[in-house]
Amino acid sequence: GRTFGNAGMGWFRQAPGKEREFVAAISWSGGNT
C-alpha cells in the first residue's frame, strides 16, 4: 500500500484469556520508538 511510509506502526500481542496489549511502536520516519 502506498501509505506505509506515512504510517506509524505498532506491535501488539494477545495471550489466551487476556486482552490485547501494546508491545512496541515506531513513528513513520523511524525516528521515534
PDB file of all heavy atoms in Angstrom:
ATOM      1  N   GLY A   1       0.826  -1.191   0.000  1.00  0.00           N
ATOM      2  CA  GLY A   1       0.000   0.000   0.000  1.00  0.00           C
ATOM      3  C   GLY A   1       0.865   1.247   0.000  1.00  0.00           C
ATOM      4  O   GLY A   1       1.938   1.274   0.573  1.00  0.00           O
ATOM      5  N   ARG A   2       0.356   2.276  -0.631  1.00  0.00           N
ATOM      6  CA  ARG A   2       1.145   3.481  -0.834  1.00  0.00           C
ATOM      7  C   ARG A   2       1.396   4.264   0.440  1.00  0.00           C
ATOM      8  O   ARG A   2       2.313   5.050   0.503  1.00  0.00           O
ATOM      9  CB  ARG A   2       0.443   4.397  -1.837  1.00  0.00           C
ATOM     10  CG  ARG A   2       0.324   3.809  -3.235  1.00  0.00           C
ATOM     11  CD  ARG A   2      -0.297   4.835  -4.170  1.00  0.00           C
ATOM     12  NE  ARG A   2      -1.596   5.266  -3.691  1.00  0.00           N
ATOM     13  CZ  ARG A   2      -2.264   6.280  -4.208  1.00  0.00           C
ATOM     14  NH1 ARG A   2      -1.725   6.998  -5.166  1.00  0.00           N
ATOM     15  NH2 ARG A   2      -3.443   6.611  -3.732  1.00  0.00           N
ATOM     16  N   THR A   3       0.564   4.051   1.446  1.00  0.00           N
ATOM     17  CA  THR A   3       0.653   4.908   2.621  1.00  0.00           C
ATOM     18  C   THR A   3       1.547   4.351   3.716  1.00  0.00           C
ATOM     19  O   THR A   3       1.611   4.901   4.797  1.00  0.00           O
ATOM     20  CB  THR A   3      -0.751   5.126   3.210  1.00  0.00           C
ATOM     21  OG1 THR A   3      -1.310   3.854   3.573  1.00  0.00           O
ATOM     22  CG2 THR A   3      -1.645   5.806   2.205  1.00  0.00           C
ATOM     23  N   PHE A   4       2.254   3.223   3.453  1.00  0.00           N
ATOM     24  CA  PHE A   4       3.065   2.627   4.507  1.00  0.00           C
ATOM     25  C   PHE A   4       4.073   3.607   5.048  1.00  0.00           C
ATOM     26  O   PHE A   4       4.261   3.720   6.258  1.00  0.00           O
ATOM     27  CB  PHE A   4       3.779   1.374   3.994  1.00  0.00           C
ATOM     28  CG  PHE A   4       4.757   0.809   4.989  1.00  0.00           C
ATOM     29  CD1 PHE A   4       4.298   0.043   6.045  1.00  0.00           C
ATOM     30  CD2 PHE A   4       6.121   1.049   4.879  1.00  0.00           C
ATOM     31  CE1 PHE A   4       5.188  -0.476   6.977  1.00  0.00           C
ATOM     32  CE2 PHE A   4       7.011   0.528   5.805  1.00  0.00           C
ATOM     33  CZ  PHE A   4       6.554  -0.233   6.854  1.00  0.00           C
ATOM     34  N   GLY A   5       4.722   4.339   4.165  1.00  0.00           N
ATOM     35  CA  GLY A   5       5.768   5.251   4.593  1.00  0.00           C
ATOM     36  C   GLY A   5       5.257   6.382   5.449  1.00  0.00           C
ATOM     37  O   GLY A   5       6.041   7.035   6.144  1.00  0.00           O
ATOM     38  N   ASN A   6       3.966   6.632   5.445  1.00  0.00           N
ATOM     39  CA  ASN A   6       3.377   7.701   6.242  1.00  0.00           C
ATOM     40  C   ASN A   6       2.720   7.190   7.520  1.00  0.00           C
ATOM     41  O   ASN A   6       2.153   7.976   8.278  1.00  0.00           O
ATOM     42  CB  ASN A   6       2.320   8.437   5.419  1.00  0.00           C
ATOM     43  CG  ASN A   6       2.930   9.126   4.213  1.00  0.00           C
ATOM     44  OD1 ASN A   6       4.050   9.614   4.272  1.00  0.00           O
ATOM     45  ND2 ASN A   6       2.193   9.149   3.122  1.00  0.00           N
ATOM     46  N   ALA A   7       2.782   5.887   7.717  1.00  0.00           N
ATOM     47  CA  ALA A   7       2.040   5.291   8.822  1.00  0.00           C
ATOM     48  C   ALA A   7       2.926   5.012  10.022  1.00  0.00           C
ATOM     49  O   ALA A   7       4.046   4.513   9.875  1.00  0.00           O
ATOM     50  CB  ALA A   7       1.385   3.983   8.360  1.00  0.00           C
ATOM     51  N   GLY A   8       2.402   5.334  11.203  1.00  0.00           N
ATOM     52  CA  GLY A   8       3.015   4.834  12.414  1.00  0.00           C
ATOM     53  C   GLY A   8       2.696   3.351  12.509  1.00  0.00           C
ATOM     54  O   GLY A   8       1.613   2.930  12.123  1.00  0.00           O
ATOM     55  N   MET A   9       3.628   2.565  12.999  1.00  0.00           N
ATOM     56  CA  MET A   9       3.445   1.119  13.059  1.00  0.00           C
ATOM     57  C   MET A   9       3.590   0.625  14.480  1.00  0.00           C
ATOM     58  O   MET A   9       4.380   1.162  15.266  1.00  0.00           O
ATOM     59  CB  MET A   9       4.482   0.419  12.174  1.00  0.00           C
ATOM     60  CG  MET A   9       4.445   0.815  10.711  1.00  0.00           C
ATOM     61  SD  MET A   9       2.906   0.314   9.909  1.00  0.00           S
ATOM     62  CE  MET A   9       3.051  -1.463  10.001  1.00  0.00           C
ATOM     63  N   GLY A  10       2.836  -0.411  14.799  1.00  0.00           N
ATOM     64  CA  GLY A  10       2.900  -0.944  16.144  1.00  0.00           C
ATOM     65  C   GLY A  10       2.835  -2.457  16.160  1.00  0.00           C
ATOM     66  O   GLY A  10       2.394  -3.084  15.194  1.00  0.00           O
ATOM     67  N   TRP A  11       3.312  -3.015  17.250  1.00  0.00           N
ATOM     68  CA  TRP A  11       3.156  -4.436  17.538  1.00  0.00           C
ATOM     69  C   TRP A  11       2.335  -4.573  18.826  1.00  0.00           C
ATOM     70  O   TRP A  11       2.603  -3.899  19.822  1.00  0.00           O
ATOM     71  CB  TRP A  11       4.510  -5.112  17.741  1.00  0.00           C
ATOM     72  CG  TRP A  11       5.309  -5.333  16.494  1.00  0.00           C
ATOM     73  CD1 TRP A  11       6.299  -4.545  16.004  1.00  0.00           C
ATOM     74  CD2 TRP A  11       5.167  -6.424  15.578  1.00  0.00           C
ATOM     75  NE1 TRP A  11       6.795  -5.078  14.826  1.00  0.00           N
ATOM     76  CE2 TRP A  11       6.128  -6.240  14.547  1.00  0.00           C
ATOM     77  CE3 TRP A  11       4.354  -7.562  15.530  1.00  0.00           C
ATOM     78  CZ2 TRP A  11       6.268  -7.137  13.481  1.00  0.00           C
ATOM     79  CZ3 TRP A  11       4.499  -8.439  14.476  1.00  0.00           C
ATOM     80  CH2 TRP A  11       5.454  -8.226  13.463  1.00  0.00           C
ATOM     81  N   PHE A  12       1.358  -5.440  18.761  1.00  0.00           N
ATOM     82  CA  PHE A  12       0.544  -5.777  19.916  1.00  0.00           C
ATOM     83  C   PHE A  12       0.588  -7.291  20.091  1.00  0.00           C
ATOM     84  O   PHE A  12       0.971  -8.012  19.183  1.00  0.00           O
ATOM     85  CB  PHE A  12      -0.902  -5.326  19.714  1.00  0.00           C
ATOM     86  CG  PHE A  12      -1.085  -3.834  19.804  1.00  0.00           C
ATOM     87  CD1 PHE A  12      -0.670  -3.017  18.757  1.00  0.00           C
ATOM     88  CD2 PHE A  12      -1.655  -3.250  20.914  1.00  0.00           C
ATOM     89  CE1 PHE A  12      -0.822  -1.643  18.826  1.00  0.00           C
ATOM     90  CE2 PHE A  12      -1.814  -1.874  20.995  1.00  0.00           C
ATOM     91  CZ  PHE A  12      -1.390  -1.072  19.949  1.00  0.00           C
ATOM     92  N   ARG A  13       0.177  -7.759  21.248  1.00  0.00           N
ATOM     93  CA  ARG A  13       0.113  -9.207  21.456  1.00  0.00           C
ATOM     94  C   ARG A  13      -1.102  -9.547  22.303  1.00  0.00           C
ATOM     95  O   ARG A  13      -1.596  -8.722  23.073  1.00  0.00           O
ATOM     96  CB  ARG A  13       1.388  -9.731  22.123  1.00  0.00           C
ATOM     97  CG  ARG A  13       1.610  -9.249  23.545  1.00  0.00           C
ATOM     98  CD  ARG A  13       2.972  -9.699  24.051  1.00  0.00           C
ATOM     99  NE  ARG A  13       3.230  -9.283  25.436  1.00  0.00           N
ATOM    100  CZ  ARG A  13       4.380  -9.434  26.062  1.00  0.00           C
ATOM    101  NH1 ARG A  13       5.418 -10.011  25.443  1.00  0.00           N
ATOM    102  NH2 ARG A  13       4.518  -9.027  27.305  1.00  0.00           N
ATOM    103  N   GLN A  14      -1.547 -10.784  22.137  1.00  0.00           N
ATOM    104  CA  GLN A  14      -2.699 -11.250  22.901  1.00  0.00           C
ATOM    105  C   GLN A  14      -2.469 -12.685  23.317  1.00  0.00           C
ATOM    106  O   GLN A  14      -2.306 -13.565  22.464  1.00  0.00           O
ATOM    107  CB  GLN A  14      -3.993 -11.126  22.082  1.00  0.00           C
ATOM    108  CG  GLN A  14      -5.235 -11.429  22.885  1.00  0.00           C
ATOM    109  CD  GLN A  14      -6.493 -10.985  22.180  1.00  0.00           C
ATOM    110  OE1 GLN A  14      -6.512 -10.752  20.974  1.00  0.00           O
ATOM    111  NE2 GLN A  14      -7.579 -10.836  22.937  1.00  0.00           N
ATOM    112  N   ALA A  15      -2.440 -12.905  24.609  1.00  0.00           N
ATOM    113  CA  ALA A  15      -2.297 -14.244  25.159  1.00  0.00           C
ATOM    114  C   ALA A  15      -3.687 -14.823  25.416  1.00  0.00           C
ATOM    115  O   ALA A  15      -4.657 -14.066  25.570  1.00  0.00           O
ATOM    116  CB  ALA A  15      -1.490 -14.193  26.451  1.00  0.00           C
ATOM    117  N   PRO A  16      -3.817 -16.141  25.481  1.00  0.00           N
ATOM    118  CA  PRO A  16      -5.129 -16.760  25.720  1.00  0.00           C
ATOM    119  C   PRO A  16      -5.766 -16.233  27.000  1.00  0.00           C
ATOM    120  O   PRO A  16      -5.125 -16.185  28.056  1.00  0.00           O
ATOM    121  CB  PRO A  16      -4.785 -18.242  25.845  1.00  0.00           C
ATOM    122  CG  PRO A  16      -3.540 -18.416  25.049  1.00  0.00           C
ATOM    123  CD  PRO A  16      -2.764 -17.142  25.256  1.00  0.00           C
ATOM    124  N   GLY A  17      -7.021 -15.815  26.878  1.00  0.00           N
ATOM    125  CA  GLY A  17      -7.752 -15.338  28.032  1.00  0.00           C
ATOM    126  C   GLY A  17      -7.404 -13.942  28.481  1.00  0.00           C
ATOM    127  O   GLY A  17      -7.916 -13.474  29.509  1.00  0.00           O
ATOM    128  N   LYS A  18      -6.549 -13.264  27.729  1.00  0.00           N
ATOM    129  CA  LYS A  18      -6.139 -11.915  28.102  1.00  0.00           C
ATOM    130  C   LYS A  18      -6.483 -10.925  27.001  1.00  0.00           C
ATOM    131  O   LYS A  18      -6.715 -11.296  25.856  1.00  0.00           O
ATOM    132  CB  LYS A  18      -4.639 -11.873  28.393  1.00  0.00           C
ATOM    133  CG  LYS A  18      -4.221 -12.686  29.604  1.00  0.00           C
ATOM    134  CD  LYS A  18      -2.766 -12.463  29.934  1.00  0.00           C
ATOM    135  CE  LYS A  18      -2.357 -13.200  31.201  1.00  0.00           C
ATOM    136  NZ  LYS A  18      -0.933 -12.950  31.558  1.00  0.00           N
ATOM    137  N   GLU A  19      -6.503  -9.648  27.361  1.00  0.00           N
ATOM    138  CA  GLU A  19      -6.767  -8.615  26.378  1.00  0.00           C
ATOM    139  C   GLU A  19      -5.515  -8.349  25.537  1.00  0.00           C
ATOM    140  O   GLU A  19      -4.396  -8.614  25.966  1.00  0.00           O
ATOM    141  CB  GLU A  19      -7.212  -7.327  27.084  1.00  0.00           C
ATOM    142  CG  GLU A  19      -8.554  -7.446  27.787  1.00  0.00           C
ATOM    143  CD  GLU A  19      -9.029  -6.121  28.335  1.00  0.00           C
ATOM    144  OE1 GLU A  19      -8.256  -5.147  28.276  1.00  0.00           O
ATOM    145  OE2 GLU A  19     -10.174  -6.049  28.806  1.00  0.00           O
ATOM    146  N   ARG A  20      -5.755  -7.796  24.364  1.00  0.00           N
ATOM    147  CA  ARG A  20      -4.641  -7.409  23.510  1.00  0.00           C
ATOM    148  C   ARG A  20      -3.873  -6.279  24.183  1.00  0.00           C
ATOM    149  O   ARG A  20      -4.464  -5.337  24.701  1.00  0.00           O
ATOM    150  CB  ARG A  20      -5.160  -6.968  22.141  1.00  0.00           C
ATOM    151  CG  ARG A  20      -4.096  -6.761  21.103  1.00  0.00           C
ATOM    152  CD  ARG A  20      -4.705  -6.591  19.722  1.00  0.00           C
ATOM    153  NE  ARG A  20      -5.470  -7.773  19.316  1.00  0.00           N
ATOM    154  CZ  ARG A  20      -5.932  -7.958  18.083  1.00  0.00           C
ATOM    155  NH1 ARG A  20      -5.698  -7.036  17.148  1.00  0.00           N
ATOM    156  NH2 ARG A  20      -6.627  -9.028  17.788  1.00  0.00           N
ATOM    157  N   GLU A  21      -2.544  -6.380  24.169  1.00  0.00           N
ATOM    158  CA  GLU A  21      -1.738  -5.364  24.830  1.00  0.00           C
ATOM    159  C   GLU A  21      -0.661  -4.809  23.913  1.00  0.00           C
ATOM    160  O   GLU A  21      -0.151  -5.503  23.028  1.00  0.00           O
ATOM    161  CB  GLU A  21      -1.086  -5.929  26.101  1.00  0.00           C
ATOM    162  CG  GLU A  21      -0.066  -7.020  25.864  1.00  0.00           C
ATOM    163  CD  GLU A  21       0.683  -7.396  27.130  1.00  0.00           C
ATOM    164  OE1 GLU A  21       0.487  -6.758  28.184  1.00  0.00           O
ATOM    165  OE2 GLU A  21       1.503  -8.345  27.063  1.00  0.00           O
ATOM    166  N   PHE A  22      -0.324  -3.574  24.153  1.00  0.00           N
ATOM    167  CA  PHE A  22       0.706  -2.885  23.400  1.00  0.00           C
ATOM    168  C   PHE A  22       2.072  -3.469  23.711  1.00  0.00           C
ATOM    169  O   PHE A  22       2.385  -3.766  24.860  1.00  0.00           O
ATOM    170  CB  PHE A  22       0.683  -1.402  23.764  1.00  0.00           C
ATOM    171  CG  PHE A  22       1.874  -0.640  23.282  1.00  0.00           C
ATOM    172  CD1 PHE A  22       2.003  -0.313  21.938  1.00  0.00           C
ATOM    173  CD2 PHE A  22       2.871  -0.237  24.163  1.00  0.00           C
ATOM    174  CE1 PHE A  22       3.108   0.391  21.484  1.00  0.00           C
ATOM    175  CE2 PHE A  22       3.962   0.458  23.726  1.00  0.00           C
ATOM    176  CZ  PHE A  22       4.099   0.781  22.381  1.00  0.00           C
ATOM    177  N   VAL A  23       2.895  -3.620  22.655  1.00  0.00           N
ATOM    178  CA  VAL A  23       4.255  -4.121  22.824  1.00  0.00           C
ATOM    179  C   VAL A  23       5.278  -3.053  22.433  1.00  0.00           C
ATOM    180  O   VAL A  23       6.165  -2.717  23.214  1.00  0.00           O
ATOM    181  CB  VAL A  23       4.495  -5.392  21.984  1.00  0.00           C
ATOM    182  CG1 VAL A  23       5.950  -5.841  22.102  1.00  0.00           C
ATOM    183  CG2 VAL A  23       3.547  -6.510  22.418  1.00  0.00           C
ATOM    184  N   ALA A  24       5.143  -2.535  21.212  1.00  0.00           N
ATOM    185  CA  ALA A  24       6.109  -1.552  20.724  1.00  0.00           C
ATOM    186  C   ALA A  24       5.512  -0.792  19.557  1.00  0.00           C
ATOM    187  O   ALA A  24       4.600  -1.282  18.886  1.00  0.00           O
ATOM    188  CB  ALA A  24       7.418  -2.229  20.311  1.00  0.00           C
ATOM    189  N   ALA A  25       6.050   0.405  19.298  1.00  0.00           N
ATOM    190  CA  ALA A  25       5.579   1.208  18.182  1.00  0.00           C
ATOM    191  C   ALA A  25       6.723   2.051  17.640  1.00  0.00           C
ATOM    192  O   ALA A  25       7.715   2.301  18.342  1.00  0.00           O
ATOM    193  CB  ALA A  25       4.416   2.098  18.611  1.00  0.00           C
ATOM    194  N   ILE A  26       6.554   2.479  16.398  1.00  0.00           N
ATOM    195  CA  ILE A  26       7.596   3.273  15.753  1.00  0.00           C
ATOM    196  C   ILE A  26       6.924   4.299  14.853  1.00  0.00           C
ATOM    197  O   ILE A  26       5.934   4.011  14.180  1.00  0.00           O
ATOM    198  CB  ILE A  26       8.554   2.350  14.963  1.00  0.00           C
ATOM    199  CG1 ILE A  26       9.758   3.114  14.428  1.00  0.00           C
ATOM    200  CG2 ILE A  26       7.829   1.606  13.840  1.00  0.00           C
ATOM    201  CD1 ILE A  26      10.878   2.201  13.931  1.00  0.00           C
ATOM    202  N   SER A  27       7.462   5.507  14.832  1.00  0.00           N
ATOM    203  CA  SER A  27       6.900   6.575  14.016  1.00  0.00           C
ATOM    204  C   SER A  27       7.172   6.309  12.545  1.00  0.00           C
ATOM    205  O   SER A  27       7.976   5.449  12.176  1.00  0.00           O
ATOM    206  CB  SER A  27       7.500   7.918  14.434  1.00  0.00           C
ATOM    207  OG  SER A  27       8.902   7.903  14.204  1.00  0.00           O
ATOM    208  N   TRP A  28       6.543   7.101  11.675  1.00  0.00           N
ATOM    209  CA  TRP A  28       6.650   6.857  10.241  1.00  0.00           C
ATOM    210  C   TRP A  28       8.086   6.973   9.748  1.00  0.00           C
ATOM    211  O   TRP A  28       8.501   6.257   8.842  1.00  0.00           O
ATOM    212  CB  TRP A  28       5.757   7.828   9.462  1.00  0.00           C
ATOM    213  CG  TRP A  28       6.215   9.257   9.522  1.00  0.00           C
ATOM    214  CD1 TRP A  28       5.874  10.193  10.449  1.00  0.00           C
ATOM    215  CD2 TRP A  28       7.131   9.899   8.627  1.00  0.00           C
ATOM    216  NE1 TRP A  28       6.514  11.378  10.185  1.00  0.00           N
ATOM    217  CE2 TRP A  28       7.283  11.232   9.073  1.00  0.00           C
ATOM    218  CE3 TRP A  28       7.835   9.492   7.492  1.00  0.00           C
ATOM    219  CZ2 TRP A  28       8.101  12.148   8.417  1.00  0.00           C
ATOM    220  CZ3 TRP A  28       8.647  10.398   6.831  1.00  0.00           C
ATOM    221  CH2 TRP A  28       8.777  11.708   7.308  1.00  0.00           C
ATOM    222  N   SER A  29       8.848   7.846  10.363  1.00  0.00           N
ATOM    223  CA  SER A  29      10.238   8.050   9.936  1.00  0.00           C
ATOM    224  C   SER A  29      11.192   7.064  10.596  1.00  0.00           C
ATOM    225  O   SER A  29      12.344   6.929  10.168  1.00  0.00           O
ATOM    226  CB  SER A  29      10.674   9.466  10.270  1.00  0.00           C
ATOM    227  OG  SER A  29      10.760   9.617  11.679  1.00  0.00           O
ATOM    228  N   GLY A  30      10.716   6.418  11.659  1.00  0.00           N
ATOM    229  CA  GLY A  30      11.609   5.554  12.438  1.00  0.00           C
ATOM    230  C   GLY A  30      12.379   6.311  13.487  1.00  0.00           C
ATOM    231  O   GLY A  30      13.147   5.728  14.255  1.00  0.00           O
ATOM    232  N   GLY A  31      12.161   7.621  13.544  1.00  0.00           N
ATOM    233  CA  GLY A  31      12.924   8.436  14.475  1.00  0.00           C
ATOM    234  C   GLY A  31      12.492   8.310  15.918  1.00  0.00           C
ATOM    235  O   GLY A  31      13.258   8.646  16.831  1.00  0.00           O
ATOM    236  N   ASN A  32      11.278   7.854  16.117  1.00  0.00           N
ATOM    237  CA  ASN A  32      10.759   7.688  17.480  1.00  0.00           C
ATOM    238  C   ASN A  32      10.268   6.266  17.676  1.00  0.00           C
ATOM    239  O   ASN A  32       9.509   5.748  16.857  1.00  0.00           O
ATOM    240  CB  ASN A  32       9.622   8.662  17.744  1.00  0.00           C
ATOM    241  CG  ASN A  32      10.096  10.098  17.753  1.00  0.00           C
ATOM    242  OD1 ASN A  32      10.873  10.495  18.602  1.00  0.00           O
ATOM    243  ND2 ASN A  32       9.651  10.867  16.780  1.00  0.00           N
ATOM    244  N   THR A  33      10.718   5.643  18.743  1.00  0.00           N
ATOM    245  CA  THR A  33      10.268   4.292  19.079  1.00  0.00           C
ATOM    246  C   THR A  33       9.744   4.279  20.512  1.00  0.00           C
ATOM    247  O   THR A  33      10.160   5.092  21.346  1.00  0.00           O
ATOM    248  CB  THR A  33      11.389   3.254  18.935  1.00  0.00           C
ATOM    249  OG1 THR A  33      12.472   3.599  19.816  1.00  0.00           O
ATOM    250  CG2 THR A  33      11.910   3.197  17.498  1.00  0.00           C
TER     251      THR A  33
END
